[in-house]
Amino acid sequence: MHGRPDHHFEDALIAATALIHHLTVAALRLTRKTTRGKLDRMASKSDTVKAKARELIEQLPDTVTWDDVAYEIAVRRSVERGLDDIDAGRTYTSEALLKSLGLSA
């Protein structure tokens, strides 16, 4: 396929992305208290990123790879950012996201 992709495909891709975002935010809201509690407990043990990274690595199996370590750190940071966004009210409903993209919900 050459040239500009089909407009319907673009709309479907945007809608799918919005749905994934909505489901991710919903999942974060459902697990926020549990996750925030776990992160807070880890933070209470150590206040520096270096110490938190050590704690995270210590929880991994001895067979861990560098890729596993990088993945776990990236997931941890993503969850922290997501929780911070929820706490600060920096989230959007699916309807608002679709509307901002000029699509109907």
C-alpha atoms as a PDB file:
ATOM      1  CA  MET A   1       0.000   0.000   0.000  1.00  0.00           C
ATOM      2  CA  HIS A   2       1.516   3.317  -1.108  1.00  0.00           C
ATOM      3  CA  GLY A   3       0.518   6.827  -0.178  1.00  0.00           C
ATOM      4  CA  ARG A   4      -1.710   7.838   2.721  1.00  0.00           C
ATOM      5  CA  PRO A   5      -3.242   5.001   4.754  1.00  0.00           C
ATOM      6  CA  ASP A   6      -6.999   4.548   4.613  1.00  0.00           C
ATOM      7  CA  HIS A   7      -8.753   7.138   6.805  1.00  0.00           C
ATOM      8  CA  HIS A   8     -10.934   4.445   8.399  1.00  0.00           C
ATOM      9  CA  PHE A   9      -7.827   2.549   9.416  1.00  0.00           C
ATOM     10  CA  GLU A  10      -6.457   5.697  11.062  1.00  0.00           C
ATOM     11  CA  ASP A  11      -9.741   6.212  12.939  1.00  0.00           C
ATOM     12  CA  ALA A  12      -9.738   2.583  14.086  1.00  0.00           C
ATOM     13  CA  LEU A  13      -6.125   2.869  15.228  1.00  0.00           C
ATOM     14  CA  ILE A  14      -6.848   6.053  17.172  1.00  0.00           C
ATOM     15  CA  ALA A  15      -9.935   4.491  18.748  1.00  0.00           C
ATOM     16  CA  ALA A  16      -7.948   1.374  19.694  1.00  0.00           C
ATOM     17  CA  THR A  17      -5.231   3.545  21.229  1.00  0.00           C
ATOM     18  CA  ALA A  18      -7.848   5.469  23.208  1.00  0.00           C
ATOM     19  CA  LEU A  19      -9.379   2.211  24.413  1.00  0.00           C
ATOM     20  CA  ILE A  20      -5.987   0.896  25.529  1.00  0.00           C
ATOM     21  CA  HIS A  21      -5.360   4.168  27.371  1.00  0.00           C
ATOM     22  CA  HIS A  22      -8.790   3.992  29.025  1.00  0.00           C
ATOM     23  CA  LEU A  23      -8.264   0.377  30.112  1.00  0.00           C
ATOM     24  CA  THR A  24      -4.793   1.176  31.436  1.00  0.00           C
ATOM     25  CA  VAL A  25      -6.097   4.098  33.501  1.00  0.00           C
ATOM     26  CA  ALA A  26      -8.992   1.965  34.783  1.00  0.00           C
ATOM     27  CA  ALA A  27      -6.589  -0.818  35.777  1.00  0.00           C
ATOM     28  CA  LEU A  28      -4.316   1.671  37.513  1.00  0.00           C
ATOM     29  CA  ARG A  29      -7.280   3.108  39.421  1.00  0.00           C
ATOM     30  CA  LEU A  30      -8.333  -0.367  40.548  1.00  0.00           C
ATOM     31  CA  THR A  31      -4.858  -1.246  41.754  1.00  0.00           C
ATOM     32  CA  ARG A  32      -3.806   2.205  42.911  1.00  0.00           C
ATOM     33  CA  LYS A  33      -4.216   1.598  46.616  1.00  0.00           C
ATOM     34  CA  THR A  34      -2.452  -1.757  46.570  1.00  0.00           C
ATOM     35  CA  THR A  35       0.326  -0.578  44.270  1.00  0.00           C
ATOM     36  CA  ARG A  36       0.739   2.759  46.038  1.00  0.00           C
ATOM     37  CA  GLY A  37       0.920   0.923  49.348  1.00  0.00           C
ATOM     38  CA  LYS A  38       3.640  -1.406  48.061  1.00  0.00           C
ATOM     39  CA  LEU A  39       5.588   1.483  46.581  1.00  0.00           C
ATOM     40  CA  ASP A  40       5.179   3.498  49.776  1.00  0.00           C
ATOM     41  CA  ARG A  41       6.431   0.562  51.845  1.00  0.00           C
ATOM     42  CA  MET A  42       9.472   0.292  49.586  1.00  0.00           C
ATOM     43  CA  ALA A  43       9.980   4.056  49.837  1.00  0.00           C
ATOM     44  CA  SER A  44       9.767   3.910  53.615  1.00  0.00           C
ATOM     45  CA  LYS A  45      12.634   1.408  53.618  1.00  0.00           C
ATOM     46  CA  SER A  46      14.729   3.563  51.300  1.00  0.00           C
ATOM     47  CA  ASP A  47      14.436   7.075  50.010  1.00  0.00           C
ATOM     48  CA  THR A  48      16.932   7.088  47.170  1.00  0.00           C
ATOM     49  CA  VAL A  49      16.406   5.753  43.663  1.00  0.00           C
ATOM     50  CA  LYS A  50      19.607   3.749  44.052  1.00  0.00           C
ATOM     51  CA  ALA A  51      18.299   2.016  47.169  1.00  0.00           C
ATOM     52  CA  LYS A  52      14.898   1.391  45.556  1.00  0.00           C
ATOM     53  CA  ALA A  53      16.622  -0.136  42.532  1.00  0.00           C
ATOM     54  CA  ARG A  54      18.600  -2.427  44.830  1.00  0.00           C
ATOM     55  CA  GLU A  55      15.405  -3.543  46.566  1.00  0.00           C
ATOM     56  CA  LEU A  56      13.731  -4.180  43.223  1.00  0.00           C
ATOM     57  CA  ILE A  57      16.683  -6.223  41.954  1.00  0.00           C
ATOM     58  CA  GLU A  58      16.849  -8.233  45.197  1.00  0.00           C
ATOM     59  CA  GLN A  59      13.258  -9.370  44.594  1.00  0.00           C
ATOM     60  CA  LEU A  60      14.166 -10.825  41.187  1.00  0.00           C
ATOM     61  CA  PRO A  61      15.264 -14.455  40.728  1.00  0.00           C
ATOM     62  CA  ASP A  62      18.961 -15.307  40.489  1.00  0.00           C
ATOM     63  CA  THR A  63      18.480 -16.232  36.821  1.00  0.00           C
ATOM     64  CA  VAL A  64      17.497 -12.661  35.896  1.00  0.00           C
ATOM     65  CA  THR A  65      18.934 -11.166  32.702  1.00  0.00           C
ATOM     66  CA  TRP A  66      19.940  -7.573  31.991  1.00  0.00           C
ATOM     67  CA  ASP A  67      16.811  -7.268  29.842  1.00  0.00           C
ATOM     68  CA  ASP A  68      14.678  -8.457  32.779  1.00  0.00           C
ATOM     69  CA  VAL A  69      16.245  -5.858  35.063  1.00  0.00           C
ATOM     70  CA  ALA A  70      15.723  -3.064  32.527  1.00  0.00           C
ATOM     71  CA  TYR A  71      12.115  -4.154  31.981  1.00  0.00           C
ATOM     72  CA  GLU A  72      11.304  -4.276  35.711  1.00  0.00           C
ATOM     73  CA  ILE A  73      12.777  -0.815  36.262  1.00  0.00           C
ATOM     74  CA  ALA A  74      10.843   0.600  33.290  1.00  0.00           C
ATOM     75  CA  VAL A  75       7.586  -0.943  34.529  1.00  0.00           C
ATOM     76  CA  ARG A  76       8.173   0.377  38.032  1.00  0.00           C
ATOM     77  CA  ARG A  77       8.771   3.891  36.718  1.00  0.00           C
ATOM     78  CA  SER A  78       5.733   3.740  34.426  1.00  0.00           C
ATOM     79  CA  VAL A  79       3.507   2.665  37.297  1.00  0.00           C
ATOM     80  CA  GLU A  80       4.865   5.455  39.504  1.00  0.00           C
ATOM     81  CA  ARG A  81       4.227   8.021  36.771  1.00  0.00           C
ATOM     82  CA  GLY A  82       0.729   6.681  36.154  1.00  0.00           C
ATOM     83  CA  LEU A  83      -0.135   6.808  39.830  1.00  0.00           C
ATOM     84  CA  ASP A  84       1.258  10.324  40.088  1.00  0.00           C
ATOM     85  CA  ASP A  85      -0.894  11.353  37.092  1.00  0.00           C
ATOM     86  CA  ILE A  86      -4.009   9.862  38.691  1.00  0.00           C
ATOM     87  CA  ASP A  87      -3.270  11.558  42.022  1.00  0.00           C
ATOM     88  CA  ALA A  88      -2.756  14.893  40.239  1.00  0.00           C
ATOM     89  CA  GLY A  89      -5.910  14.514  38.129  1.00  0.00           C
ATOM     90  CA  ARG A  90      -3.944  14.326  34.879  1.00  0.00           C
ATOM     91  CA  THR A  91      -6.184  11.746  33.257  1.00  0.00           C
ATOM     92  CA  TYR A  92      -8.834  11.860  30.549  1.00  0.00           C
ATOM     93  CA  THR A  93     -11.961   9.874  29.924  1.00  0.00           C
ATOM     94  CA  SER A  94     -12.141   7.961  26.657  1.00  0.00           C
ATOM     95  CA  GLU A  95     -14.873  10.328  25.512  1.00  0.00           C
ATOM     96  CA  ALA A  96     -12.739  13.413  26.174  1.00  0.00           C
ATOM     97  CA  LEU A  97      -9.758  11.871  24.391  1.00  0.00           C
ATOM     98  CA  LEU A  98     -11.815  10.946  21.330  1.00  0.00           C
ATOM     99  CA  LYS A  99     -13.411  14.407  21.298  1.00  0.00           C
ATOM    100  CA  SER A 100      -9.985  16.075  21.460  1.00  0.00           C
ATOM    101  CA  LEU A 101      -8.973  13.998  18.430  1.00  0.00           C
ATOM    102  CA  GLY A 102     -12.098  15.069  16.560  1.00  0.00           C
ATOM    103  CA  LEU A 103     -13.682  11.633  16.747  1.00  0.00           C
ATOM    104  CA  SER A 104     -17.074  10.687  18.127  1.00  0.00           C
ATOM    105  CA  ALA A 105     -17.268   8.412  21.137  1.00  0.00           C
END
